[in-house]
Amino acid sequence: MPIIFEYFGILIFFYSNEHEPIHVHGKFEKYESKAEFYIVNGKVSEIKLKAVKGRKPLTGAKLRDFESFLEIYSEKII
């Protein structure tokens, strides 16, 4: 589980050998969500947040922090 960023205590990481679409996980304490990146013409056109099976999703301020981070750094992530 390579951690690529940490933002306000949220670990942003991916699992090796994962499935499409390109996505990262955001984890804070026992909460975890994932963000899927949809790319059109080489640019991120949409980011969809999804729940991770068996985990409680990020909520409130931590979810907003994760969303803000993704908006700013999505191109670097992919």
N, C-alpha and C. Protein backbone atom coordinates (compact mmCIF):
# COMPACT_ATOMS: atom_id res chain seq x y z
N MET A 1 0.84 -1.17 0.00
CA MET A 1 0.00 0.00 0.00
C MET A 1 0.90 1.24 0.00
N PRO A 2 1.33 1.68 -1.17
CA PRO A 2 2.17 2.88 -1.22
C PRO A 2 1.38 4.15 -0.88
N ILE A 3 1.85 4.87 0.12
CA ILE A 3 1.24 6.15 0.48
C ILE A 3 1.89 7.21 -0.39
N ILE A 4 1.06 7.99 -1.12
CA ILE A 4 1.63 8.98 -2.02
C ILE A 4 1.53 10.40 -1.46
N PHE A 5 0.58 10.64 -0.56
CA PHE A 5 0.42 11.94 0.08
C PHE A 5 -0.17 11.75 1.47
N GLU A 6 0.02 12.75 2.31
CA GLU A 6 -0.72 12.86 3.57
C GLU A 6 -1.19 14.31 3.65
N TYR A 7 -2.50 14.48 3.90
CA TYR A 7 -3.10 15.81 3.88
C TYR A 7 -4.03 15.95 5.07
N PHE A 8 -3.71 16.83 6.01
CA PHE A 8 -4.49 17.02 7.24
C PHE A 8 -4.81 15.68 7.92
N GLY A 9 -3.83 14.79 7.96
CA GLY A 9 -3.99 13.50 8.61
C GLY A 9 -4.62 12.43 7.75
N ILE A 10 -5.06 12.76 6.55
CA ILE A 10 -5.66 11.79 5.63
C ILE A 10 -4.53 11.16 4.82
N LEU A 11 -4.42 9.84 4.87
CA LEU A 11 -3.45 9.13 4.05
C LEU A 11 -4.06 8.90 2.68
N ILE A 12 -3.34 9.28 1.63
CA ILE A 12 -3.81 9.07 0.26
C ILE A 12 -2.88 8.04 -0.35
N PHE A 13 -3.45 6.92 -0.77
CA PHE A 13 -2.64 5.79 -1.21
C PHE A 13 -3.36 4.99 -2.28
N PHE A 14 -2.64 4.01 -2.83
CA PHE A 14 -3.24 3.07 -3.77
C PHE A 14 -2.71 1.68 -3.44
N TYR A 15 -3.38 0.68 -3.93
CA TYR A 15 -2.92 -0.70 -3.81
C TYR A 15 -2.30 -1.09 -5.14
N SER A 16 -1.19 -1.80 -5.11
CA SER A 16 -0.60 -2.25 -6.37
C SER A 16 -1.50 -3.30 -7.01
N ASN A 17 -1.42 -3.41 -8.31
CA ASN A 17 -2.22 -4.38 -9.09
C ASN A 17 -3.72 -4.18 -8.91
N GLU A 18 -4.16 -2.92 -8.88
CA GLU A 18 -5.59 -2.64 -8.73
C GLU A 18 -6.26 -2.52 -10.09
N HIS A 19 -7.54 -2.36 -10.06
CA HIS A 19 -8.39 -2.34 -11.24
C HIS A 19 -8.59 -0.92 -11.77
N GLU A 20 -9.10 -0.83 -12.98
CA GLU A 20 -9.49 0.45 -13.58
C GLU A 20 -10.84 0.85 -13.00
N PRO A 21 -11.23 2.07 -13.00
CA PRO A 21 -10.48 3.24 -13.43
C PRO A 21 -9.40 3.60 -12.42
N ILE A 22 -8.49 4.49 -12.83
CA ILE A 22 -7.46 4.96 -11.92
C ILE A 22 -8.16 5.53 -10.68
N HIS A 23 -7.67 5.14 -9.52
CA HIS A 23 -8.28 5.65 -8.29
C HIS A 23 -7.27 5.63 -7.15
N VAL A 24 -7.58 6.41 -6.12
CA VAL A 24 -6.80 6.41 -4.88
C VAL A 24 -7.76 6.27 -3.71
N HIS A 25 -7.19 5.86 -2.60
CA HIS A 25 -7.95 5.73 -1.37
C HIS A 25 -7.54 6.85 -0.43
N GLY A 26 -8.49 7.34 0.33
CA GLY A 26 -8.23 8.31 1.38
C GLY A 26 -8.65 7.70 2.70
N LYS A 27 -7.73 7.65 3.66
CA LYS A 27 -8.02 7.00 4.94
C LYS A 27 -7.66 7.92 6.08
N PHE A 28 -8.59 8.03 7.03
CA PHE A 28 -8.36 8.77 8.27
C PHE A 28 -8.94 7.94 9.40
N GLU A 29 -8.06 7.51 10.31
CA GLU A 29 -8.44 6.63 11.41
C GLU A 29 -9.14 5.40 10.85
N LYS A 30 -10.40 5.13 11.23
CA LYS A 30 -11.07 3.92 10.76
C LYS A 30 -11.95 4.17 9.53
N TYR A 31 -11.87 5.38 8.98
CA TYR A 31 -12.72 5.77 7.85
C TYR A 31 -11.92 5.73 6.55
N GLU A 32 -12.57 5.30 5.48
CA GLU A 32 -11.89 5.20 4.19
C GLU A 32 -12.88 5.37 3.04
N SER A 33 -12.47 6.16 2.07
CA SER A 33 -13.24 6.33 0.83
C SER A 33 -12.26 6.24 -0.32
N LYS A 34 -12.79 6.07 -1.52
CA LYS A 34 -11.90 6.08 -2.68
C LYS A 34 -12.42 7.08 -3.70
N ALA A 35 -11.50 7.55 -4.52
CA ALA A 35 -11.82 8.53 -5.55
C ALA A 35 -11.40 7.95 -6.90
N GLU A 36 -12.36 7.84 -7.80
CA GLU A 36 -12.09 7.33 -9.14
C GLU A 36 -11.93 8.51 -10.09
N PHE A 37 -10.90 8.44 -10.92
CA PHE A 37 -10.60 9.50 -11.88
C PHE A 37 -11.02 9.07 -13.28
N TYR A 38 -11.82 9.89 -13.93
CA TYR A 38 -12.24 9.63 -15.30
C TYR A 38 -11.52 10.64 -16.19
N ILE A 39 -10.84 10.12 -17.21
CA ILE A 39 -9.95 10.94 -18.02
C ILE A 39 -10.47 11.02 -19.45
N VAL A 40 -10.52 12.25 -19.97
CA VAL A 40 -10.93 12.49 -21.36
C VAL A 40 -9.84 13.37 -21.99
N ASN A 41 -9.32 12.92 -23.12
CA ASN A 41 -8.28 13.66 -23.83
C ASN A 41 -7.09 14.01 -22.93
N GLY A 42 -6.71 13.07 -22.08
CA GLY A 42 -5.54 13.25 -21.24
C GLY A 42 -5.73 14.13 -20.01
N LYS A 43 -6.95 14.58 -19.76
CA LYS A 43 -7.24 15.44 -18.60
C LYS A 43 -8.31 14.79 -17.73
N VAL A 44 -8.23 15.05 -16.44
CA VAL A 44 -9.27 14.54 -15.53
C VAL A 44 -10.55 15.31 -15.81
N SER A 45 -11.59 14.59 -16.22
CA SER A 45 -12.87 15.23 -16.52
C SER A 45 -13.85 15.11 -15.36
N GLU A 46 -13.65 14.09 -14.54
CA GLU A 46 -14.57 13.86 -13.42
C GLU A 46 -13.88 13.04 -12.35
N ILE A 47 -14.23 13.33 -11.10
CA ILE A 47 -13.76 12.55 -9.96
C ILE A 47 -14.99 12.09 -9.20
N LYS A 48 -15.13 10.77 -9.05
CA LYS A 48 -16.27 10.22 -8.33
C LYS A 48 -15.78 9.61 -7.02
N LEU A 49 -16.40 10.03 -5.93
CA LEU A 49 -16.09 9.45 -4.63
C LEU A 49 -16.98 8.24 -4.39
N LYS A 50 -16.37 7.19 -3.88
CA LYS A 50 -17.10 5.94 -3.65
C LYS A 50 -16.75 5.39 -2.28
N ALA A 51 -17.65 4.57 -1.77
CA ALA A 51 -17.41 3.87 -0.51
C ALA A 51 -16.47 2.70 -0.78
N VAL A 52 -15.76 2.27 0.24
CA VAL A 52 -14.90 1.10 0.18
C VAL A 52 -15.60 -0.01 0.95
N LYS A 53 -15.77 -1.12 0.30
CA LYS A 53 -16.50 -2.23 0.91
C LYS A 53 -15.88 -2.62 2.25
N GLY A 54 -16.73 -2.71 3.27
CA GLY A 54 -16.29 -3.11 4.60
C GLY A 54 -15.69 -2.00 5.44
N ARG A 55 -15.71 -0.76 4.92
CA ARG A 55 -15.15 0.38 5.66
C ARG A 55 -16.19 1.48 5.80
N LYS A 56 -16.11 2.24 6.87
CA LYS A 56 -16.97 3.41 7.02
C LYS A 56 -16.37 4.53 6.17
N PRO A 57 -17.20 5.24 5.39
CA PRO A 57 -16.66 6.30 4.54
C PRO A 57 -16.26 7.56 5.32
N LEU A 58 -15.35 8.31 4.73
CA LEU A 58 -15.00 9.62 5.29
C LEU A 58 -16.26 10.48 5.33
N THR A 59 -16.37 11.33 6.34
CA THR A 59 -17.54 12.21 6.47
C THR A 59 -17.09 13.60 6.90
N GLY A 60 -18.01 14.53 6.82
CA GLY A 60 -17.81 15.87 7.35
C GLY A 60 -16.57 16.57 6.83
N ALA A 61 -15.82 17.16 7.76
CA ALA A 61 -14.64 17.95 7.40
C ALA A 61 -13.58 17.11 6.69
N LYS A 62 -13.40 15.88 7.11
CA LYS A 62 -12.38 15.03 6.48
C LYS A 62 -12.75 14.70 5.04
N LEU A 63 -14.02 14.49 4.77
CA LEU A 63 -14.46 14.25 3.40
C LEU A 63 -14.23 15.51 2.56
N ARG A 64 -14.56 16.67 3.10
CA ARG A 64 -14.33 17.93 2.37
C ARG A 64 -12.84 18.17 2.14
N ASP A 65 -12.00 17.84 3.13
CA ASP A 65 -10.56 17.97 2.95
C ASP A 65 -10.07 17.05 1.83
N PHE A 66 -10.55 15.83 1.80
CA PHE A 66 -10.17 14.87 0.76
C PHE A 66 -10.60 15.39 -0.61
N GLU A 67 -11.83 15.88 -0.72
CA GLU A 67 -12.32 16.43 -1.98
C GLU A 67 -11.49 17.63 -2.43
N SER A 68 -11.16 18.50 -1.52
CA SER A 68 -10.35 19.68 -1.85
C SER A 68 -8.97 19.26 -2.36
N PHE A 69 -8.37 18.32 -1.68
CA PHE A 69 -7.06 17.83 -2.10
C PHE A 69 -7.13 17.26 -3.51
N LEU A 70 -8.15 16.46 -3.77
CA LEU A 70 -8.29 15.83 -5.08
C LEU A 70 -8.46 16.86 -6.20
N GLU A 71 -9.23 17.89 -5.94
CA GLU A 71 -9.42 18.93 -6.94
C GLU A 71 -8.10 19.62 -7.31
N ILE A 72 -7.27 19.84 -6.31
CA ILE A 72 -6.01 20.54 -6.53
C ILE A 72 -4.95 19.64 -7.16
N TYR A 73 -4.86 18.39 -6.71
CA TYR A 73 -3.74 17.53 -7.07
C TYR A 73 -4.09 16.35 -7.98
N SER A 74 -5.27 16.33 -8.56
CA SER A 74 -5.67 15.17 -9.38
C SER A 74 -4.72 14.90 -10.53
N GLU A 75 -4.24 15.94 -11.19
CA GLU A 75 -3.31 15.73 -12.31
C GLU A 75 -1.99 15.13 -11.84
N LYS A 76 -1.51 15.51 -10.69
CA LYS A 76 -0.28 14.94 -10.14
C LYS A 76 -0.49 13.49 -9.73
N ILE A 77 -1.68 13.19 -9.23
CA ILE A 77 -1.97 11.82 -8.79
C ILE A 77 -1.93 10.86 -9.97
N ILE A 78 -2.58 11.25 -11.06
CA ILE A 78 -2.61 10.33 -12.20
C ILE A 78 -1.31 10.36 -12.96
